[in-house]
Every structure is written in structure tokens, then in C-alpha cells.
Amino acid sequence: MSKKALSIFNEKDLGLALSGVKVIDVKELALYMNYSGGYNKDSKQVKWFIEVLESFSNEMRAKLLFFVTGSFKMPFGGFKE
């Protein structure tokens, strides 16, 4: 691929294109989330967050995961790991 062809991508989109998007399981993510600041799995804000994640396309979930972790993919072995 030429440098000109690559120039249409920013680093995040290129990373996403190269690594591919694997299905990000929101239920598994919710199961292994860590809470602090007085929040827990039953907090309305956490429930809203999960609801929003469920409405995202898998590509949007991958972009959020990248924002939070620097990786488009779930850890090897899933979120438990």
C-alpha cells in the first residue's frame, strides 16, 4: 500500500483496520468491571453506561476500548484476564 493510500487513515483508524474488530461482549465487560468512587453494578450511572455500550456498534465499542486501554481488542482470555 502506498504512503498516499495510507494517508487517508489516522493512527486509530489504521490500528482498527489492521487489527480487525472482534466482538466485544458487553455482558462480559460488565461482569468484570471494577468500581470506585461509591459506584457499584447497581448504580444508575453504571446501568446507563452499560445501556449505551449495548447500543454501540462493535466498531464503536472497539474505539471506546482503545480510548480506555490503548488496544482495540479484548485481552487474551477475555476481560477476566
PDB file of N, CA and C in Angstrom:
ATOM      1  N   MET A   1       0.855  -1.167   0.000  1.00  0.00           N
ATOM      2  CA  MET A   1       0.000   0.000   0.000  1.00  0.00           C
ATOM      3  C   MET A   1       0.901   1.231   0.000  1.00  0.00           C
ATOM      4  N   SER A   2       0.562   2.213  -0.800  1.00  0.00           N
ATOM      5  CA  SER A   2       1.389   3.402  -0.913  1.00  0.00           C
ATOM      6  C   SER A   2       1.191   4.327   0.278  1.00  0.00           C
ATOM      7  N   LYS A   3       2.173   5.210   0.463  1.00  0.00           N
ATOM      8  CA  LYS A   3       2.090   6.185   1.549  1.00  0.00           C
ATOM      9  C   LYS A   3       0.869   7.078   1.360  1.00  0.00           C
ATOM     10  N   LYS A   4       0.559   7.425   0.110  1.00  0.00           N
ATOM     11  CA  LYS A   4      -0.598   8.267  -0.171  1.00  0.00           C
ATOM     12  C   LYS A   4      -1.896   7.551   0.231  1.00  0.00           C
ATOM     13  N   ALA A   5      -1.968   6.262  -0.067  1.00  0.00           N
ATOM     14  CA  ALA A   5      -3.159   5.497   0.294  1.00  0.00           C
ATOM     15  C   ALA A   5      -3.314   5.418   1.808  1.00  0.00           C
ATOM     16  N   LEU A   6      -2.207   5.298   2.524  1.00  0.00           N
ATOM     17  CA  LEU A   6      -2.254   5.229   3.989  1.00  0.00           C
ATOM     18  C   LEU A   6      -2.617   6.565   4.614  1.00  0.00           C
ATOM     19  N   SER A   7      -2.380   7.652   3.899  1.00  0.00           N
ATOM     20  CA  SER A   7      -2.606   8.979   4.470  1.00  0.00           C
ATOM     21  C   SER A   7      -4.082   9.263   4.744  1.00  0.00           C
ATOM     22  N   ILE A   8      -4.991   8.451   4.213  1.00  0.00           N
ATOM     23  CA  ILE A   8      -6.413   8.676   4.474  1.00  0.00           C
ATOM     24  C   ILE A   8      -6.815   8.217   5.870  1.00  0.00           C
ATOM     25  N   PHE A   9      -5.935   7.448   6.527  1.00  0.00           N
ATOM     26  CA  PHE A   9      -6.212   6.933   7.863  1.00  0.00           C
ATOM     27  C   PHE A   9      -5.494   7.761   8.915  1.00  0.00           C
ATOM     28  N   ASN A  10      -6.144   7.976  10.065  1.00  0.00           N
ATOM     29  CA  ASN A  10      -5.379   8.464  11.214  1.00  0.00           C
ATOM     30  C   ASN A  10      -4.872   7.218  11.946  1.00  0.00           C
ATOM     31  N   GLU A  11      -4.062   7.407  12.990  1.00  0.00           N
ATOM     32  CA  GLU A  11      -3.449   6.242  13.643  1.00  0.00           C
ATOM     33  C   GLU A  11      -4.472   5.307  14.271  1.00  0.00           C
ATOM     34  N   LYS A  12      -5.552   5.852  14.785  1.00  0.00           N
ATOM     35  CA  LYS A  12      -6.567   4.999  15.401  1.00  0.00           C
ATOM     36  C   LYS A  12      -7.300   4.165  14.355  1.00  0.00           C
ATOM     37  N   ASP A  13      -7.699   4.815  13.255  1.00  0.00           N
ATOM     38  CA  ASP A  13      -8.413   4.078  12.212  1.00  0.00           C
ATOM     39  C   ASP A  13      -7.518   3.035  11.550  1.00  0.00           C
ATOM     40  N   LEU A  14      -6.243   3.360  11.388  1.00  0.00           N
ATOM     41  CA  LEU A  14      -5.307   2.388  10.812  1.00  0.00           C
ATOM     42  C   LEU A  14      -5.143   1.199  11.751  1.00  0.00           C
ATOM     43  N   GLY A  15      -5.009   1.473  13.045  1.00  0.00           N
ATOM     44  CA  GLY A  15      -4.902   0.387  14.020  1.00  0.00           C
ATOM     45  C   GLY A  15      -6.128  -0.498  14.002  1.00  0.00           C
ATOM     46  N   LEU A  16      -7.288   0.113  13.891  1.00  0.00           N
ATOM     47  CA  LEU A  16      -8.536  -0.645  13.843  1.00  0.00           C
ATOM     48  C   LEU A  16      -8.608  -1.477  12.577  1.00  0.00           C
ATOM     49  N   ALA A  17      -8.184  -0.896  11.443  1.00  0.00           N
ATOM     50  CA  ALA A  17      -8.213  -1.619  10.172  1.00  0.00           C
ATOM     51  C   ALA A  17      -7.237  -2.796  10.183  1.00  0.00           C
ATOM     52  N   LEU A  18      -6.077  -2.608  10.794  1.00  0.00           N
ATOM     53  CA  LEU A  18      -5.068  -3.676  10.817  1.00  0.00           C
ATOM     54  C   LEU A  18      -5.403  -4.785  11.799  1.00  0.00           C
ATOM     55  N   SER A  19      -5.944  -4.422  12.953  1.00  0.00           N
ATOM     56  CA  SER A  19      -6.198  -5.439  13.972  1.00  0.00           C
ATOM     57  C   SER A  19      -7.546  -6.110  13.806  1.00  0.00           C
ATOM     58  N   GLY A  20      -8.439  -5.460  13.079  1.00  0.00           N
ATOM     59  CA  GLY A  20      -9.778  -6.015  12.934  1.00  0.00           C
ATOM     60  C   GLY A  20     -10.590  -5.774  14.190  1.00  0.00           C
ATOM     61  N   VAL A  21     -11.858  -5.981  14.078  1.00  0.00           N
ATOM     62  CA  VAL A  21     -12.747  -5.779  15.216  1.00  0.00           C
ATOM     63  C   VAL A  21     -13.322  -7.122  15.612  1.00  0.00           C
ATOM     64  N   LYS A  22     -12.989  -7.543  16.786  1.00  0.00           N
ATOM     65  CA  LYS A  22     -13.588  -8.765  17.315  1.00  0.00           C
ATOM     66  C   LYS A  22     -14.809  -8.358  18.125  1.00  0.00           C
ATOM     67  N   VAL A  23     -15.726  -9.261  18.266  1.00  0.00           N
ATOM     68  CA  VAL A  23     -16.945  -8.961  19.003  1.00  0.00           C
ATOM     69  C   VAL A  23     -16.602  -8.670  20.462  1.00  0.00           C
ATOM     70  N   ILE A  24     -17.034  -7.523  20.930  1.00  0.00           N
ATOM     71  CA  ILE A  24     -16.797  -7.129  22.310  1.00  0.00           C
ATOM     72  C   ILE A  24     -18.083  -7.399  23.086  1.00  0.00           C
ATOM     73  N   ASP A  25     -18.003  -8.321  24.001  1.00  0.00           N
ATOM     74  CA  ASP A  25     -19.152  -8.772  24.773  1.00  0.00           C
ATOM     75  C   ASP A  25     -19.395  -7.820  25.940  1.00  0.00           C
ATOM     76  N   VAL A  26     -20.441  -7.009  25.841  1.00  0.00           N
ATOM     77  CA  VAL A  26     -20.748  -6.020  26.872  1.00  0.00           C
ATOM     78  C   VAL A  26     -21.108  -6.701  28.190  1.00  0.00           C
ATOM     79  N   LYS A  27     -21.808  -7.815  28.133  1.00  0.00           N
ATOM     80  CA  LYS A  27     -22.181  -8.516  29.375  1.00  0.00           C
ATOM     81  C   LYS A  27     -20.937  -9.004  30.111  1.00  0.00           C
ATOM     82  N   GLU A  28     -19.951  -9.502  29.350  1.00  0.00           N
ATOM     83  CA  GLU A  28     -18.701  -9.945  29.984  1.00  0.00           C
ATOM     84  C   GLU A  28     -17.952  -8.747  30.555  1.00  0.00           C
ATOM     85  N   LEU A  29     -17.903  -7.663  29.819  1.00  0.00           N
ATOM     86  CA  LEU A  29     -17.252  -6.443  30.307  1.00  0.00           C
ATOM     87  C   LEU A  29     -17.888  -5.997  31.620  1.00  0.00           C
ATOM     88  N   ALA A  30     -19.219  -5.958  31.663  1.00  0.00           N
ATOM     89  CA  ALA A  30     -19.932  -5.526  32.871  1.00  0.00           C
ATOM     90  C   ALA A  30     -19.641  -6.455  34.043  1.00  0.00           C
ATOM     91  N   LEU A  31     -19.495  -7.729  33.762  1.00  0.00           N
ATOM     92  CA  LEU A  31     -19.234  -8.708  34.808  1.00  0.00           C
ATOM     93  C   LEU A  31     -17.895  -8.458  35.505  1.00  0.00           C
ATOM     94  N   TYR A  32     -16.897  -7.967  34.751  1.00  0.00           N
ATOM     95  CA  TYR A  32     -15.554  -7.814  35.304  1.00  0.00           C
ATOM     96  C   TYR A  32     -15.131  -6.356  35.509  1.00  0.00           C
ATOM     97  N   MET A  33     -16.080  -5.420  35.440  1.00  0.00           N
ATOM     98  CA  MET A  33     -15.741  -4.021  35.665  1.00  0.00           C
ATOM     99  C   MET A  33     -15.377  -3.802  37.126  1.00  0.00           C
ATOM    100  N   ASN A  34     -14.410  -2.904  37.341  1.00  0.00           N
ATOM    101  CA  ASN A  34     -14.030  -2.505  38.699  1.00  0.00           C
ATOM    102  C   ASN A  34     -14.697  -1.169  38.997  1.00  0.00           C
ATOM    103  N   TYR A  35     -15.207  -1.018  40.192  1.00  0.00           N
ATOM    104  CA  TYR A  35     -15.925   0.188  40.569  1.00  0.00           C
ATOM    105  C   TYR A  35     -15.188   0.913  41.683  1.00  0.00           C
ATOM    106  N   SER A  36     -15.311   2.230  41.682  1.00  0.00           N
ATOM    107  CA  SER A  36     -14.758   3.039  42.763  1.00  0.00           C
ATOM    108  C   SER A  36     -15.598   4.309  42.875  1.00  0.00           C
ATOM    109  N   GLY A  37     -15.261   5.147  43.817  1.00  0.00           N
ATOM    110  CA  GLY A  37     -15.957   6.413  43.974  1.00  0.00           C
ATOM    111  C   GLY A  37     -17.405   6.276  44.404  1.00  0.00           C
ATOM    112  N   GLY A  38     -17.714   5.169  45.068  1.00  0.00           N
ATOM    113  CA  GLY A  38     -19.081   4.970  45.540  1.00  0.00           C
ATOM    114  C   GLY A  38     -20.008   4.317  44.526  1.00  0.00           C
ATOM    115  N   TYR A  39     -19.478   3.962  43.345  1.00  0.00           N
ATOM    116  CA  TYR A  39     -20.297   3.302  42.326  1.00  0.00           C
ATOM    117  C   TYR A  39     -20.211   1.792  42.484  1.00  0.00           C
ATOM    118  N   ASN A  40     -21.264   1.102  42.066  1.00  0.00           N
ATOM    119  CA  ASN A  40     -21.275  -0.358  42.035  1.00  0.00           C
ATOM    120  C   ASN A  40     -22.140  -0.784  40.857  1.00  0.00           C
ATOM    121  N   LYS A  41     -22.271  -2.083  40.653  1.00  0.00           N
ATOM    122  CA  LYS A  41     -23.006  -2.588  39.490  1.00  0.00           C
ATOM    123  C   LYS A  41     -24.468  -2.161  39.466  1.00  0.00           C
ATOM    124  N   ASP A  42     -24.996  -1.778  40.607  1.00  0.00           N
ATOM    125  CA  ASP A  42     -26.397  -1.368  40.685  1.00  0.00           C
ATOM    126  C   ASP A  42     -26.602   0.148  40.599  1.00  0.00           C
ATOM    127  N   SER A  43     -25.519   0.905  40.497  1.00  0.00           N
ATOM    128  CA  SER A  43     -25.642   2.363  40.377  1.00  0.00           C
ATOM    129  C   SER A  43     -26.324   2.708  39.058  1.00  0.00           C
ATOM    130  N   LYS A  44     -27.203   3.700  39.098  1.00  0.00           N
ATOM    131  CA  LYS A  44     -27.932   4.056  37.879  1.00  0.00           C
ATOM    132  C   LYS A  44     -26.988   4.543  36.786  1.00  0.00           C
ATOM    133  N   GLN A  45     -25.891   5.220  37.152  1.00  0.00           N
ATOM    134  CA  GLN A  45     -24.941   5.698  36.154  1.00  0.00           C
ATOM    135  C   GLN A  45     -24.241   4.530  35.453  1.00  0.00           C
ATOM    136  N   VAL A  46     -23.921   3.493  36.203  1.00  0.00           N
ATOM    137  CA  VAL A  46     -23.297   2.303  35.622  1.00  0.00           C
ATOM    138  C   VAL A  46     -24.288   1.608  34.696  1.00  0.00           C
ATOM    139  N   LYS A  47     -25.531   1.516  35.101  1.00  0.00           N
ATOM    140  CA  LYS A  47     -26.562   0.904  34.253  1.00  0.00           C
ATOM    141  C   LYS A  47     -26.742   1.697  32.962  1.00  0.00           C
ATOM    142  N   TRP A  48     -26.719   3.032  33.059  1.00  0.00           N
ATOM    143  CA  TRP A  48     -26.821   3.867  31.866  1.00  0.00           C
ATOM    144  C   TRP A  48     -25.642   3.617  30.939  1.00  0.00           C
ATOM    145  N   PHE A  49     -24.443   3.534  31.517  1.00  0.00           N
ATOM    146  CA  PHE A  49     -23.227   3.297  30.726  1.00  0.00           C
ATOM    147  C   PHE A  49     -23.330   1.978  29.966  1.00  0.00           C
ATOM    148  N   ILE A  50     -23.755   0.929  30.648  1.00  0.00           N
ATOM    149  CA  ILE A  50     -23.911  -0.385  30.017  1.00  0.00           C
ATOM    150  C   ILE A  50     -24.967  -0.316  28.914  1.00  0.00           C
ATOM    151  N   GLU A  51     -26.046   0.384  29.168  1.00  0.00           N
ATOM    152  CA  GLU A  51     -27.110   0.541  28.172  1.00  0.00           C
ATOM    153  C   GLU A  51     -26.578   1.249  26.917  1.00  0.00           C
ATOM    154  N   VAL A  52     -25.773   2.275  27.125  1.00  0.00           N
ATOM    155  CA  VAL A  52     -25.182   2.993  25.987  1.00  0.00           C
ATOM    156  C   VAL A  52     -24.228   2.068  25.232  1.00  0.00           C
ATOM    157  N   LEU A  53     -23.398   1.321  25.956  1.00  0.00           N
ATOM    158  CA  LEU A  53     -22.482   0.380  25.304  1.00  0.00           C
ATOM    159  C   LEU A  53     -23.227  -0.644  24.458  1.00  0.00           C
ATOM    160  N   GLU A  54     -24.358  -1.122  24.965  1.00  0.00           N
ATOM    161  CA  GLU A  54     -25.140  -2.102  24.219  1.00  0.00           C
ATOM    162  C   GLU A  54     -25.710  -1.504  22.938  1.00  0.00           C
ATOM    163  N   SER A  55     -25.926  -0.193  22.916  1.00  0.00           N
ATOM    164  CA  SER A  55     -26.454   0.455  21.713  1.00  0.00           C
ATOM    165  C   SER A  55     -25.364   0.739  20.678  1.00  0.00           C
ATOM    166  N   PHE A  56     -24.087   0.688  21.100  1.00  0.00           N
ATOM    167  CA  PHE A  56     -22.964   0.952  20.190  1.00  0.00           C
ATOM    168  C   PHE A  56     -22.786  -0.189  19.201  1.00  0.00           C
ATOM    169  N   SER A  57     -22.317   0.158  18.014  1.00  0.00           N
ATOM    170  CA  SER A  57     -21.865  -0.874  17.081  1.00  0.00           C
ATOM    171  C   SER A  57     -20.585  -1.468  17.663  1.00  0.00           C
ATOM    172  N   ASN A  58     -20.178  -2.613  17.163  1.00  0.00           N
ATOM    173  CA  ASN A  58     -18.955  -3.236  17.665  1.00  0.00           C
ATOM    174  C   ASN A  58     -17.740  -2.357  17.375  1.00  0.00           C
ATOM    175  N   GLU A  59     -17.771  -1.639  16.254  1.00  0.00           N
ATOM    176  CA  GLU A  59     -16.666  -0.729  15.924  1.00  0.00           C
ATOM    177  C   GLU A  59     -16.575   0.392  16.960  1.00  0.00           C
ATOM    178  N   MET A  60     -17.707   0.928  17.364  1.00  0.00           N
ATOM    179  CA  MET A  60     -17.705   1.984  18.387  1.00  0.00           C
ATOM    180  C   MET A  60     -17.226   1.440  19.730  1.00  0.00           C
ATOM    181  N   ARG A  61     -17.606   0.210  20.052  1.00  0.00           N
ATOM    182  CA  ARG A  61     -17.110  -0.410  21.291  1.00  0.00           C
ATOM    183  C   ARG A  61     -15.599  -0.552  21.249  1.00  0.00           C
ATOM    184  N   ALA A  62     -15.072  -0.950  20.083  1.00  0.00           N
ATOM    185  CA  ALA A  62     -13.618  -1.098  19.929  1.00  0.00           C
ATOM    186  C   ALA A  62     -12.927   0.249  20.091  1.00  0.00           C
ATOM    187  N   LYS A  63     -13.522   1.299  19.570  1.00  0.00           N
ATOM    188  CA  LYS A  63     -12.927   2.631  19.712  1.00  0.00           C
ATOM    189  C   LYS A  63     -12.942   3.087  21.167  1.00  0.00           C
ATOM    190  N   LEU A  64     -14.010   2.785  21.883  1.00  0.00           N
ATOM    191  CA  LEU A  64     -14.057   3.112  23.310  1.00  0.00           C
ATOM    192  C   LEU A  64     -13.003   2.305  24.065  1.00  0.00           C
ATOM    193  N   LEU A  65     -12.889   1.037  23.736  1.00  0.00           N
ATOM    194  CA  LEU A  65     -11.879   0.184  24.369  1.00  0.00           C
ATOM    195  C   LEU A  65     -10.485   0.744  24.123  1.00  0.00           C
ATOM    196  N   PHE A  66     -10.239   1.223  22.902  1.00  0.00           N
ATOM    197  CA  PHE A  66      -8.943   1.826  22.582  1.00  0.00           C
ATOM    198  C   PHE A  66      -8.724   3.079  23.416  1.00  0.00           C
ATOM    199  N   PHE A  67      -9.750   3.892  23.554  1.00  0.00           N
ATOM    200  CA  PHE A  67      -9.644   5.116  24.355  1.00  0.00           C
ATOM    201  C   PHE A  67      -9.264   4.797  25.798  1.00  0.00           C
ATOM    202  N   VAL A  68      -9.860   3.749  26.332  1.00  0.00           N
ATOM    203  CA  VAL A  68      -9.645   3.396  27.736  1.00  0.00           C
ATOM    204  C   VAL A  68      -8.344   2.624  27.953  1.00  0.00           C
ATOM    205  N   THR A  69      -8.009   1.722  27.026  1.00  0.00           N
ATOM    206  CA  THR A  69      -6.883   0.810  27.256  1.00  0.00           C
ATOM    207  C   THR A  69      -5.704   0.973  26.300  1.00  0.00           C
ATOM    208  N   GLY A  70      -5.922   1.620  25.154  1.00  0.00           N
ATOM    209  CA  GLY A  70      -4.874   1.704  24.138  1.00  0.00           C
ATOM    210  C   GLY A  70      -4.876   0.510  23.209  1.00  0.00           C
ATOM    211  N   SER A  71      -5.858  -0.369  23.326  1.00  0.00           N
ATOM    212  CA  SER A  71      -5.963  -1.554  22.482  1.00  0.00           C
ATOM    213  C   SER A  71      -7.378  -1.672  21.929  1.00  0.00           C
ATOM    214  N   PHE A  72      -7.476  -2.088  20.654  1.00  0.00           N
ATOM    215  CA  PHE A  72      -8.784  -2.288  20.047  1.00  0.00           C
ATOM    216  C   PHE A  72      -9.379  -3.647  20.399  1.00  0.00           C
ATOM    217  N   LYS A  73      -8.556  -4.518  20.935  1.00  0.00           N
ATOM    218  CA  LYS A  73      -9.003  -5.879  21.201  1.00  0.00           C
ATOM    219  C   LYS A  73      -9.126  -6.140  22.699  1.00  0.00           C
ATOM    220  N   MET A  74     -10.004  -7.089  23.006  1.00  0.00           N
ATOM    221  CA  MET A  74     -10.111  -7.544  24.386  1.00  0.00           C
ATOM    222  C   MET A  74      -8.819  -8.282  24.743  1.00  0.00           C
ATOM    223  N   PRO A  75      -8.487  -8.334  26.021  1.00  0.00           N
ATOM    224  CA  PRO A  75      -7.297  -9.090  26.434  1.00  0.00           C
ATOM    225  C   PRO A  75      -7.438 -10.564  26.069  1.00  0.00           C
ATOM    226  N   PHE A  76      -6.303 -11.222  25.824  1.00  0.00           N
ATOM    227  CA  PHE A  76      -6.318 -12.651  25.582  1.00  0.00           C
ATOM    228  C   PHE A  76      -6.939 -13.315  26.806  1.00  0.00           C
ATOM    229  N   GLY A  77      -7.953 -14.103  26.598  1.00  0.00           N
ATOM    230  CA  GLY A  77      -8.650 -14.741  27.706  1.00  0.00           C
ATOM    231  C   GLY A  77      -9.865 -13.955  28.169  1.00  0.00           C
ATOM    232  N   GLY A  78     -10.143 -12.833  27.493  1.00  0.00           N
ATOM    233  CA  GLY A  78     -11.337 -12.048  27.823  1.00  0.00           C
ATOM    234  C   GLY A  78     -11.079 -11.014  28.906  1.00  0.00           C
ATOM    235  N   PHE A  79     -12.115 -10.330  29.303  1.00  0.00           N
ATOM    236  CA  PHE A  79     -11.992  -9.263  30.283  1.00  0.00           C
ATOM    237  C   PHE A  79     -11.624  -9.780  31.659  1.00  0.00           C
ATOM    238  N   LYS A  80     -11.859 -11.047  31.913  1.00  0.00           N
ATOM    239  CA  LYS A  80     -11.482 -11.638  33.207  1.00  0.00           C
ATOM    240  C   LYS A  80      -9.979 -11.527  33.417  1.00  0.00           C
ATOM    241  N   GLU A  81      -9.236 -11.666  32.328  1.00  0.00           N
ATOM    242  CA  GLU A  81      -7.773 -11.602  32.409  1.00  0.00           C
ATOM    243  C   GLU A  81      -7.306 -10.172  32.460  1.00  0.00           C
TER     244      GLU A  81
END
